[in-house]
Amino acid sequence: MMKRENIDQLVKVEHHKIVNCPLRDNQFSFFQIVYVICGRGFLKINNNNAEYSKGSLILLTPNDQHYLEVVEKTELLLVKFSERYVKDYKWNSINSMECLLYGASYLSGCILQNKPDVILVESIASSLLHGIHYPDLYHEELTLHYVNALIVIAARNISKMRVERVASNTDKRVVDIINYIQGNIHDPSLLKAFSIAQKFGFSESYLGSYFKKQCGETIQHYILNYKMRLIEHRLLFSDMRINEIVAEFGFSDESHLNKFFKKRHVMSMTEFRKTKGQLELGA
């Protein structure tokens, strides 16, 4: 039977030493960054097998199904944080952090692909471990700073992995365009082709052909898909009212948003929240 775990706080850091396989048939309602201090084995995530070893950094998103197969005695640092914490925290230029993290659900295994970040993550993990075993004045404040740094590093690596999968010849300009779209997804006026083209010094026609060549889809299609994923996450993982979602994404009214939503799902947002929400909870 699938076991579901919740956390009663926004952020929680744990240290575990594992000899056998206690983590089996688990499902969490929160994000979890797993850092492998030592050991090796396999982590099965949503029916995908991922090998882990010392230095692996793995992201688990809410409702992922996974279990651990230990080959060699394993020591883990677990950083657990709620969807609410990710959504409410002010990430400066990263306006849609939770969607970026949720978008990594298709990834399996170590997300730490940016080599300069390896030493940085190791240092942060050591600092978190020190705080667990030797708590001192302002321990909670320091822990939050370390956790935030780890989340941003995870997001940076996921973002680079995502762009690398877009096209083998992707260059930095399309990364900047994607980051601009995600950072301004709540402001429709800034997502018009004219505005994006002007921002990056392209003509509208060249922007369209350039983006499609690099990403395999039109820029408008990418924007709509990204916005839809955010709305789906609001419906499934938050208690936001429909009118709040309307205001957040700049729709004229609830009817306009429902029309946009039904084109993809052939059901209203209320129906989607009820039906998909029950499936997510295993009802």
C-alpha atoms as a PDB file:
ATOM      1  CA  MET A   1       0.000   0.000   0.000  1.00  0.00           C
ATOM      2  CA  MET A   2       1.303   3.450  -0.926  1.00  0.00           C
ATOM      3  CA  LYS A   3       2.364   5.448   2.132  1.00  0.00           C
ATOM      4  CA  ARG A   4       1.839   9.212   1.973  1.00  0.00           C
ATOM      5  CA  GLU A   5       3.907  11.556   4.115  1.00  0.00           C
ATOM      6  CA  ASN A   6       3.222  15.194   4.983  1.00  0.00           C
ATOM      7  CA  ILE A   7       5.315  17.783   6.799  1.00  0.00           C
ATOM      8  CA  ASP A   8       3.967  20.108   9.490  1.00  0.00           C
ATOM      9  CA  GLN A   9       6.384  22.939   8.674  1.00  0.00           C
ATOM     10  CA  LEU A  10       7.454  24.838   5.570  1.00  0.00           C
ATOM     11  CA  VAL A  11      11.056  23.567   5.580  1.00  0.00           C
ATOM     12  CA  LYS A  12      12.610  20.538   7.232  1.00  0.00           C
ATOM     13  CA  VAL A  13      16.168  19.154   6.999  1.00  0.00           C
ATOM     14  CA  GLU A  14      17.025  15.565   7.964  1.00  0.00           C
ATOM     15  CA  HIS A  15      20.126  13.366   8.042  1.00  0.00           C
ATOM     16  CA  HIS A  16      19.775   9.599   7.486  1.00  0.00           C
ATOM     17  CA  LYS A  17      22.150   6.638   7.389  1.00  0.00           C
ATOM     18  CA  ILE A  18      20.656   3.682   5.532  1.00  0.00           C
ATOM     19  CA  VAL A  19      21.927   0.100   5.342  1.00  0.00           C
ATOM     20  CA  ASN A  20      18.905  -1.690   3.861  1.00  0.00           C
ATOM     21  CA  CYS A  21      15.836  -0.493   1.938  1.00  0.00           C
ATOM     22  CA  PRO A  22      13.386   1.300   4.264  1.00  0.00           C
ATOM     23  CA  LEU A  23      12.184   3.770   1.635  1.00  0.00           C
ATOM     24  CA  ARG A  24       9.684   1.761  -0.383  1.00  0.00           C
ATOM     25  CA  ASP A  25       6.292   2.692  -1.835  1.00  0.00           C
ATOM     26  CA  ASN A  26       6.492   6.254  -0.566  1.00  0.00           C
ATOM     27  CA  GLN A  27       4.659   9.312  -1.816  1.00  0.00           C
ATOM     28  CA  PHE A  28       5.179  12.801  -0.406  1.00  0.00           C
ATOM     29  CA  SER A  29       3.010  15.913  -0.478  1.00  0.00           C
ATOM     30  CA  PHE A  30       6.073  18.199  -0.632  1.00  0.00           C
ATOM     31  CA  PHE A  31       9.256  18.823  -2.597  1.00  0.00           C
ATOM     32  CA  GLN A  32      12.358  16.989  -1.505  1.00  0.00           C
ATOM     33  CA  ILE A  33      15.986  17.492  -2.475  1.00  0.00           C
ATOM     34  CA  VAL A  34      18.058  14.381  -1.788  1.00  0.00           C
ATOM     35  CA  TYR A  35      21.833  14.824  -1.498  1.00  0.00           C
ATOM     36  CA  VAL A  36      23.923  11.641  -1.352  1.00  0.00           C
ATOM     37  CA  ILE A  37      26.756  12.092   1.131  1.00  0.00           C
ATOM     38  CA  CYS A  38      28.080   8.603   0.486  1.00  0.00           C
ATOM     39  CA  GLY A  39      26.927   5.222  -0.785  1.00  0.00           C
ATOM     40  CA  ARG A  40      25.396   3.975  -3.990  1.00  0.00           C
ATOM     41  CA  GLY A  41      22.260   2.281  -5.226  1.00  0.00           C
ATOM     42  CA  PHE A  42      19.143   2.955  -7.255  1.00  0.00           C
ATOM     43  CA  LEU A  43      16.203   5.280  -6.793  1.00  0.00           C
ATOM     44  CA  LYS A  44      13.060   4.350  -8.693  1.00  0.00           C
ATOM     45  CA  ILE A  45      11.018   7.464  -9.505  1.00  0.00           C
ATOM     46  CA  ASN A  46       7.646   7.059 -11.229  1.00  0.00           C
ATOM     47  CA  ASN A  47       8.748   3.706 -12.725  1.00  0.00           C
ATOM     48  CA  ASN A  48      12.094   5.104 -13.929  1.00  0.00           C
ATOM     49  CA  ASN A  49      15.303   3.700 -12.451  1.00  0.00           C
ATOM     50  CA  ALA A  50      18.007   6.222 -11.548  1.00  0.00           C
ATOM     51  CA  GLU A  51      21.428   5.243 -10.258  1.00  0.00           C
ATOM     52  CA  TYR A  52      22.785   7.313  -7.384  1.00  0.00           C
ATOM     53  CA  SER A  53      26.258   7.649  -5.873  1.00  0.00           C
ATOM     54  CA  LYS A  54      28.273  10.063  -3.721  1.00  0.00           C
ATOM     55  CA  GLY A  55      27.502  13.666  -4.687  1.00  0.00           C
ATOM     56  CA  SER A  56      24.203  12.951  -6.463  1.00  0.00           C
ATOM     57  CA  LEU A  57      21.557  15.652  -6.076  1.00  0.00           C
ATOM     58  CA  ILE A  58      18.035  14.418  -6.808  1.00  0.00           C
ATOM     59  CA  LEU A  59      14.789  16.375  -6.813  1.00  0.00           C
ATOM     60  CA  LEU A  60      11.491  14.697  -5.910  1.00  0.00           C
ATOM     61  CA  THR A  61       8.316  16.638  -6.667  1.00  0.00           C
ATOM     62  CA  PRO A  62       5.011  16.328  -4.779  1.00  0.00           C
ATOM     63  CA  ASN A  63       3.187  13.079  -5.535  1.00  0.00           C
ATOM     64  CA  ASP A  64       6.185  11.381  -7.151  1.00  0.00           C
ATOM     65  CA  GLN A  65       6.138   7.665  -6.389  1.00  0.00           C
ATOM     66  CA  HIS A  66       9.542   6.289  -5.500  1.00  0.00           C
ATOM     67  CA  TYR A  67      11.577   3.821  -3.497  1.00  0.00           C
ATOM     68  CA  LEU A  68      15.234   3.324  -2.696  1.00  0.00           C
ATOM     69  CA  GLU A  69      17.336   0.230  -3.442  1.00  0.00           C
ATOM     70  CA  VAL A  70      20.556   0.370  -1.405  1.00  0.00           C
ATOM     71  CA  VAL A  71      23.587  -1.379  -2.906  1.00  0.00           C
ATOM     72  CA  GLU A  72      26.171   0.162  -0.584  1.00  0.00           C
ATOM     73  CA  LYS A  73      25.573   1.735   2.847  1.00  0.00           C
ATOM     74  CA  THR A  74      24.080   5.143   2.098  1.00  0.00           C
ATOM     75  CA  GLU A  75      24.117   8.449   3.934  1.00  0.00           C
ATOM     76  CA  LEU A  76      21.581  11.061   2.835  1.00  0.00           C
ATOM     77  CA  LEU A  77      20.788  14.681   3.509  1.00  0.00           C
ATOM     78  CA  LEU A  78      17.071  15.294   2.917  1.00  0.00           C
ATOM     79  CA  VAL A  79      15.816  18.839   2.403  1.00  0.00           C
ATOM     80  CA  LYS A  80      12.013  18.933   2.490  1.00  0.00           C
ATOM     81  CA  PHE A  81      10.033  22.047   1.610  1.00  0.00           C
ATOM     82  CA  SER A  82       6.378  22.681   0.898  1.00  0.00           C
ATOM     83  CA  GLU A  83       4.818  23.983  -2.314  1.00  0.00           C
ATOM     84  CA  ARG A  84       3.485  26.912  -0.308  1.00  0.00           C
ATOM     85  CA  TYR A  85       7.011  27.902   0.743  1.00  0.00           C
ATOM     86  CA  VAL A  86       8.228  27.867  -2.869  1.00  0.00           C
ATOM     87  CA  LYS A  87       5.235  29.857  -4.083  1.00  0.00           C
ATOM     88  CA  ASP A  88       5.235  32.531  -1.363  1.00  0.00           C
ATOM     89  CA  TYR A  89       8.965  33.179  -1.117  1.00  0.00           C
ATOM     90  CA  LYS A  90      10.227  36.176  -3.138  1.00  0.00           C
ATOM     91  CA  TRP A  91      12.751  34.734  -5.564  1.00  0.00           C
ATOM     92  CA  ASN A  92      13.594  38.084  -7.215  1.00  0.00           C
ATOM     93  CA  SER A  93      14.095  37.255 -10.909  1.00  0.00           C
ATOM     94  CA  ILE A  94      12.663  33.718 -10.636  1.00  0.00           C
ATOM     95  CA  ASN A  95       8.949  34.537 -10.605  1.00  0.00           C
ATOM     96  CA  SER A  96       7.707  31.022 -11.379  1.00  0.00           C
ATOM     97  CA  MET A  97      10.040  28.895  -9.293  1.00  0.00           C
ATOM     98  CA  GLU A  98       7.410  26.293  -8.407  1.00  0.00           C
ATOM     99  CA  CYS A  99       6.595  25.605 -12.058  1.00  0.00           C
ATOM    100  CA  LEU A 100      10.277  25.223 -12.868  1.00  0.00           C
ATOM    101  CA  LEU A 101      10.627  22.684 -10.058  1.00  0.00           C
ATOM    102  CA  TYR A 102       7.411  20.862 -10.972  1.00  0.00           C
ATOM    103  CA  GLY A 103       8.598  20.788 -14.572  1.00  0.00           C
ATOM    104  CA  ALA A 104      11.482  18.576 -13.468  1.00  0.00           C
ATOM    105  CA  SER A 105       9.132  15.677 -12.714  1.00  0.00           C
ATOM    106  CA  TYR A 106      10.156  14.104 -16.045  1.00  0.00           C
ATOM    107  CA  LEU A 107      13.807  14.018 -14.928  1.00  0.00           C
ATOM    108  CA  SER A 108      15.261  11.003 -13.170  1.00  0.00           C
ATOM    109  CA  GLY A 109      18.549  10.849 -11.345  1.00  0.00           C
ATOM    110  CA  CYS A 110      21.108  13.494 -10.522  1.00  0.00           C
ATOM    111  CA  ILE A 111      20.148  17.005 -11.613  1.00  0.00           C
ATOM    112  CA  LEU A 112      23.562  18.423 -10.738  1.00  0.00           C
ATOM    113  CA  GLN A 113      24.949  18.852 -14.254  1.00  0.00           C
ATOM    114  CA  ASN A 114      26.651  22.250 -13.842  1.00  0.00           C
ATOM    115  CA  LYS A 115      30.175  21.295 -12.726  1.00  0.00           C
ATOM    116  CA  PRO A 116      30.975  24.535 -10.858  1.00  0.00           C
ATOM    117  CA  ASP A 117      27.931  23.862  -8.646  1.00  0.00           C
ATOM    118  CA  VAL A 118      29.279  20.520  -7.366  1.00  0.00           C
ATOM    119  CA  ILE A 119      31.662  22.085  -4.834  1.00  0.00           C
ATOM    120  CA  LEU A 120      29.039  24.686  -3.897  1.00  0.00           C
ATOM    121  CA  VAL A 121      26.421  22.026  -3.136  1.00  0.00           C
ATOM    122  CA  GLU A 122      28.920  19.989  -1.136  1.00  0.00           C
ATOM    123  CA  SER A 123      29.717  23.067   0.960  1.00  0.00           C
ATOM    124  CA  ILE A 124      26.031  23.873   1.561  1.00  0.00           C
ATOM    125  CA  ALA A 125      25.311  20.246   2.505  1.00  0.00           C
ATOM    126  CA  SER A 126      28.214  20.305   5.004  1.00  0.00           C
ATOM    127  CA  SER A 127      26.859  23.525   6.514  1.00  0.00           C
ATOM    128  CA  LEU A 128      23.357  22.046   6.861  1.00  0.00           C
ATOM    129  CA  LEU A 129      24.786  18.917   8.494  1.00  0.00           C
ATOM    130  CA  HIS A 130      26.798  21.027  10.919  1.00  0.00           C
ATOM    131  CA  GLY A 131      23.628  22.919  11.853  1.00  0.00           C
ATOM    132  CA  ILE A 132      21.747  19.669  12.509  1.00  0.00           C
ATOM    133  CA  HIS A 133      24.414  18.255  14.821  1.00  0.00           C
ATOM    134  CA  TYR A 134      25.610  21.508  16.411  1.00  0.00           C
ATOM    135  CA  PRO A 135      22.658  23.923  16.537  1.00  0.00           C
ATOM    136  CA  ASP A 136      23.581  27.398  17.724  1.00  0.00           C
ATOM    137  CA  LEU A 137      22.183  30.921  17.889  1.00  0.00           C
ATOM    138  CA  TYR A 138      20.129  31.855  14.775  1.00  0.00           C
ATOM    139  CA  HIS A 139      20.255  28.254  13.607  1.00  0.00           C
ATOM    140  CA  GLU A 140      16.836  28.403  11.902  1.00  0.00           C
ATOM    141  CA  GLU A 141      17.674  31.599  10.005  1.00  0.00           C
ATOM    142  CA  LEU A 142      20.938  30.145   8.710  1.00  0.00           C
ATOM    143  CA  THR A 143      19.223  26.910   7.720  1.00  0.00           C
ATOM    144  CA  LEU A 144      16.673  28.806   5.605  1.00  0.00           C
ATOM    145  CA  HIS A 145      19.453  30.682   3.801  1.00  0.00           C
ATOM    146  CA  TYR A 146      21.257  27.417   2.999  1.00  0.00           C
ATOM    147  CA  VAL A 147      18.029  25.745   1.868  1.00  0.00           C
ATOM    148  CA  ASN A 148      17.151  28.700  -0.367  1.00  0.00           C
ATOM    149  CA  ALA A 149      20.603  28.550  -1.944  1.00  0.00           C
ATOM    150  CA  LEU A 150      20.166  24.831  -2.595  1.00  0.00           C
ATOM    151  CA  ILE A 151      16.738  25.392  -4.186  1.00  0.00           C
ATOM    152  CA  VAL A 152      18.137  28.087  -6.494  1.00  0.00           C
ATOM    153  CA  ILE A 153      21.052  25.841  -7.499  1.00  0.00           C
ATOM    154  CA  ALA A 154      18.596  23.024  -8.240  1.00  0.00           C
ATOM    155  CA  ALA A 155      16.494  25.417 -10.332  1.00  0.00           C
ATOM    156  CA  ARG A 156      19.568  26.625 -12.239  1.00  0.00           C
ATOM    157  CA  ASN A 157      20.593  23.076 -13.123  1.00  0.00           C
ATOM    158  CA  ILE A 158      17.055  22.081 -14.097  1.00  0.00           C
ATOM    159  CA  SER A 159      16.769  25.162 -16.285  1.00  0.00           C
ATOM    160  CA  LYS A 160      20.008  24.317 -18.090  1.00  0.00           C
ATOM    161  CA  MET A 161      18.967  20.682 -18.531  1.00  0.00           C
ATOM    162  CA  ARG A 162      15.590  21.762 -19.907  1.00  0.00           C
ATOM    163  CA  VAL A 163      17.150  24.086 -22.448  1.00  0.00           C
ATOM    164  CA  GLU A 164      19.730  21.493 -23.485  1.00  0.00           C
ATOM    165  CA  ARG A 165      16.859  19.137 -24.306  1.00  0.00           C
ATOM    166  CA  VAL A 166      15.151  21.766 -26.431  1.00  0.00           C
ATOM    167  CA  ALA A 167      17.709  21.496 -29.231  1.00  0.00           C
ATOM    168  CA  SER A 168      21.287  20.374 -29.556  1.00  0.00           C
ATOM    169  CA  ASN A 169      22.332  23.708 -31.101  1.00  0.00           C
ATOM    170  CA  THR A 170      20.597  25.943 -28.565  1.00  0.00           C
ATOM    171  CA  ASP A 171      22.471  29.179 -27.879  1.00  0.00           C
ATOM    172  CA  LYS A 172      22.314  31.616 -24.995  1.00  0.00           C
ATOM    173  CA  ARG A 173      19.780  33.942 -26.644  1.00  0.00           C
ATOM    174  CA  VAL A 174      16.960  31.391 -26.526  1.00  0.00           C
ATOM    175  CA  VAL A 175      17.778  30.676 -22.863  1.00  0.00           C
ATOM    176  CA  ASP A 176      17.389  34.391 -22.174  1.00  0.00           C
ATOM    177  CA  ILE A 177      14.093  34.488 -24.096  1.00  0.00           C
ATOM    178  CA  ILE A 178      12.715  31.513 -22.150  1.00  0.00           C
ATOM    179  CA  ASN A 179      13.779  33.075 -18.863  1.00  0.00           C
ATOM    180  CA  TYR A 180      12.119  36.356 -19.917  1.00  0.00           C
ATOM    181  CA  ILE A 181       8.857  34.549 -20.775  1.00  0.00           C
ATOM    182  CA  GLN A 182       8.805  32.689 -17.471  1.00  0.00           C
ATOM    183  CA  GLY A 183       9.660  35.823 -15.503  1.00  0.00           C
ATOM    184  CA  ASN A 184       6.823  37.794 -17.132  1.00  0.00           C
ATOM    185  CA  ILE A 185       4.217  35.046 -17.518  1.00  0.00           C
ATOM    186  CA  HIS A 186       1.764  37.017 -15.333  1.00  0.00           C
ATOM    187  CA  ASP A 187       1.832  40.092 -17.587  1.00  0.00           C
ATOM    188  CA  PRO A 188       0.205  39.443 -21.016  1.00  0.00           C
ATOM    189  CA  SER A 189       1.333  42.808 -22.374  1.00  0.00           C
ATOM    190  CA  LEU A 190       4.991  41.809 -22.000  1.00  0.00           C
ATOM    191  CA  LEU A 191       4.415  38.477 -23.770  1.00  0.00           C
ATOM    192  CA  LYS A 192       3.271  39.907 -27.079  1.00  0.00           C
ATOM    193  CA  ALA A 193       5.571  39.053 -29.983  1.00  0.00           C
ATOM    194  CA  PHE A 194       6.280  42.749 -30.529  1.00  0.00           C
ATOM    195  CA  SER A 195       7.372  43.254 -26.904  1.00  0.00           C
ATOM    196  CA  ILE A 196       9.638  40.186 -26.871  1.00  0.00           C
ATOM    197  CA  ALA A 197      11.156  41.030 -30.259  1.00  0.00           C
ATOM    198  CA  GLN A 198      11.855  44.593 -29.140  1.00  0.00           C
ATOM    199  CA  LYS A 199      13.400  43.383 -25.879  1.00  0.00           C
ATOM    200  CA  PHE A 200      15.899  41.142 -27.701  1.00  0.00           C
ATOM    201  CA  GLY A 201      16.511  43.278 -30.778  1.00  0.00           C
ATOM    202  CA  PHE A 202      14.756  40.945 -33.245  1.00  0.00           C
ATOM    203  CA  SER A 203      12.107  41.606 -35.846  1.00  0.00           C
ATOM    204  CA  GLU A 204       8.834  39.795 -35.078  1.00  0.00           C
ATOM    205  CA  SER A 205       9.217  37.497 -38.087  1.00  0.00           C
ATOM    206  CA  TYR A 206      12.807  36.560 -37.206  1.00  0.00           C
ATOM    207  CA  LEU A 207      11.869  35.984 -33.557  1.00  0.00           C
ATOM    208  CA  GLY A 208       9.168  33.527 -34.645  1.00  0.00           C
ATOM    209  CA  SER A 209      11.396  31.509 -36.996  1.00  0.00           C
ATOM    210  CA  TYR A 210      14.382  31.622 -34.607  1.00  0.00           C
ATOM    211  CA  PHE A 211      12.405  30.368 -31.601  1.00  0.00           C
ATOM    212  CA  LYS A 212      10.730  27.584 -33.582  1.00  0.00           C
ATOM    213  CA  LYS A 213      14.066  26.401 -34.969  1.00  0.00           C
ATOM    214  CA  GLN A 214      15.628  26.332 -31.503  1.00  0.00           C
ATOM    215  CA  CYS A 215      12.676  24.946 -29.529  1.00  0.00           C
ATOM    216  CA  GLY A 216      10.655  22.959 -32.057  1.00  0.00           C
ATOM    217  CA  GLU A 217       7.460  24.916 -31.376  1.00  0.00           C
ATOM    218  CA  THR A 218       6.161  28.442 -31.912  1.00  0.00           C
ATOM    219  CA  ILE A 219       6.810  31.006 -29.230  1.00  0.00           C
ATOM    220  CA  GLN A 220       3.062  31.484 -28.730  1.00  0.00           C
ATOM    221  CA  HIS A 221       2.587  27.735 -28.267  1.00  0.00           C
ATOM    222  CA  TYR A 222       5.382  27.677 -25.692  1.00  0.00           C
ATOM    223  CA  ILE A 223       3.830  30.598 -23.780  1.00  0.00           C
ATOM    224  CA  LEU A 224       0.381  28.985 -23.738  1.00  0.00           C
ATOM    225  CA  ASN A 225       1.763  25.611 -22.616  1.00  0.00           C
ATOM    226  CA  TYR A 226       3.824  27.186 -19.863  1.00  0.00           C
ATOM    227  CA  LYS A 227       0.905  29.266 -18.626  1.00  0.00           C
ATOM    228  CA  MET A 228      -1.340  26.200 -18.691  1.00  0.00           C
ATOM    229  CA  ARG A 229       1.116  24.207 -16.564  1.00  0.00           C
ATOM    230  CA  LEU A 230       1.155  26.983 -13.980  1.00  0.00           C
ATOM    231  CA  ILE A 231      -2.637  27.119 -13.874  1.00  0.00           C
ATOM    232  CA  GLU A 232      -2.823  23.327 -13.518  1.00  0.00           C
ATOM    233  CA  HIS A 233      -0.435  23.519 -10.563  1.00  0.00           C
ATOM    234  CA  ARG A 234      -2.527  26.244  -8.937  1.00  0.00           C
ATOM    235  CA  LEU A 235      -5.620  24.053  -9.251  1.00  0.00           C
ATOM    236  CA  LEU A 236      -3.980  20.871  -7.982  1.00  0.00           C
ATOM    237  CA  PHE A 237      -1.574  22.122  -5.342  1.00  0.00           C
ATOM    238  CA  SER A 238      -3.027  25.336  -3.943  1.00  0.00           C
ATOM    239  CA  ASP A 239      -6.283  26.549  -2.430  1.00  0.00           C
ATOM    240  CA  MET A 240      -6.486  29.596  -4.732  1.00  0.00           C
ATOM    241  CA  ARG A 241      -9.963  30.554  -5.903  1.00  0.00           C
ATOM    242  CA  ILE A 242     -10.665  30.697  -9.625  1.00  0.00           C
ATOM    243  CA  ASN A 243     -11.024  34.485  -9.530  1.00  0.00           C
ATOM    244  CA  GLU A 244      -7.587  34.745  -7.890  1.00  0.00           C
ATOM    245  CA  ILE A 245      -6.067  32.724 -10.734  1.00  0.00           C
ATOM    246  CA  VAL A 246      -7.887  34.998 -13.211  1.00  0.00           C
ATOM    247  CA  ALA A 247      -6.256  38.044 -11.618  1.00  0.00           C
ATOM    248  CA  GLU A 248      -2.814  36.439 -11.323  1.00  0.00           C
ATOM    249  CA  PHE A 249      -2.532  35.622 -15.037  1.00  0.00           C
ATOM    250  CA  GLY A 250      -4.193  38.732 -16.427  1.00  0.00           C
ATOM    251  CA  PHE A 251      -7.363  37.196 -17.881  1.00  0.00           C
ATOM    252  CA  SER A 252     -10.269  39.568 -18.405  1.00  0.00           C
ATOM    253  CA  ASP A 253     -12.683  37.444 -16.364  1.00  0.00           C
ATOM    254  CA  GLU A 254     -13.463  33.888 -15.226  1.00  0.00           C
ATOM    255  CA  SER A 255     -15.298  33.083 -18.479  1.00  0.00           C
ATOM    256  CA  HIS A 256     -12.208  34.007 -20.495  1.00  0.00           C
ATOM    257  CA  LEU A 257      -9.975  31.765 -18.378  1.00  0.00           C
ATOM    258  CA  ASN A 258     -12.432  28.863 -18.493  1.00  0.00           C
ATOM    259  CA  LYS A 259     -12.592  29.106 -22.284  1.00  0.00           C
ATOM    260  CA  PHE A 260      -8.785  29.021 -22.447  1.00  0.00           C
ATOM    261  CA  PHE A 261      -8.685  26.042 -20.055  1.00  0.00           C
ATOM    262  CA  LYS A 262     -11.385  23.997 -21.819  1.00  0.00           C
ATOM    263  CA  LYS A 263      -9.512  24.117 -25.127  1.00  0.00           C
ATOM    264  CA  ARG A 264      -6.885  21.878 -23.525  1.00  0.00           C
ATOM    265  CA  HIS A 265      -8.823  19.786 -21.025  1.00  0.00           C
ATOM    266  CA  VAL A 266     -12.413  19.682 -22.328  1.00  0.00           C
ATOM    267  CA  MET A 267     -13.596  20.310 -18.776  1.00  0.00           C
ATOM    268  CA  SER A 268     -13.966  23.287 -16.492  1.00  0.00           C
ATOM    269  CA  MET A 269     -11.301  24.212 -13.949  1.00  0.00           C
ATOM    270  CA  THR A 270     -13.605  23.182 -11.113  1.00  0.00           C
ATOM    271  CA  GLU A 271     -14.085  19.751 -12.679  1.00  0.00           C
ATOM    272  CA  PHE A 272     -10.345  19.435 -13.290  1.00  0.00           C
ATOM    273  CA  ARG A 273      -9.532  20.306  -9.674  1.00  0.00           C
ATOM    274  CA  LYS A 274     -12.031  17.783  -8.355  1.00  0.00           C
ATOM    275  CA  THR A 275     -11.229  14.915 -10.751  1.00  0.00           C
ATOM    276  CA  LYS A 276      -7.448  15.270 -10.976  1.00  0.00           C
ATOM    277  CA  GLY A 277      -7.132  16.150  -7.309  1.00  0.00           C
ATOM    278  CA  GLN A 278      -8.747  12.860  -6.340  1.00  0.00           C
ATOM    279  CA  LEU A 279      -6.372  10.977  -8.628  1.00  0.00           C
ATOM    280  CA  GLU A 280      -3.353  12.755  -7.140  1.00  0.00           C
ATOM    281  CA  LEU A 281      -4.475  11.738  -3.656  1.00  0.00           C
ATOM    282  CA  GLY A 282      -5.052   8.185  -4.800  1.00  0.00           C
ATOM    283  CA  ALA A 283      -8.801   8.366  -4.197  1.00  0.00           C
END
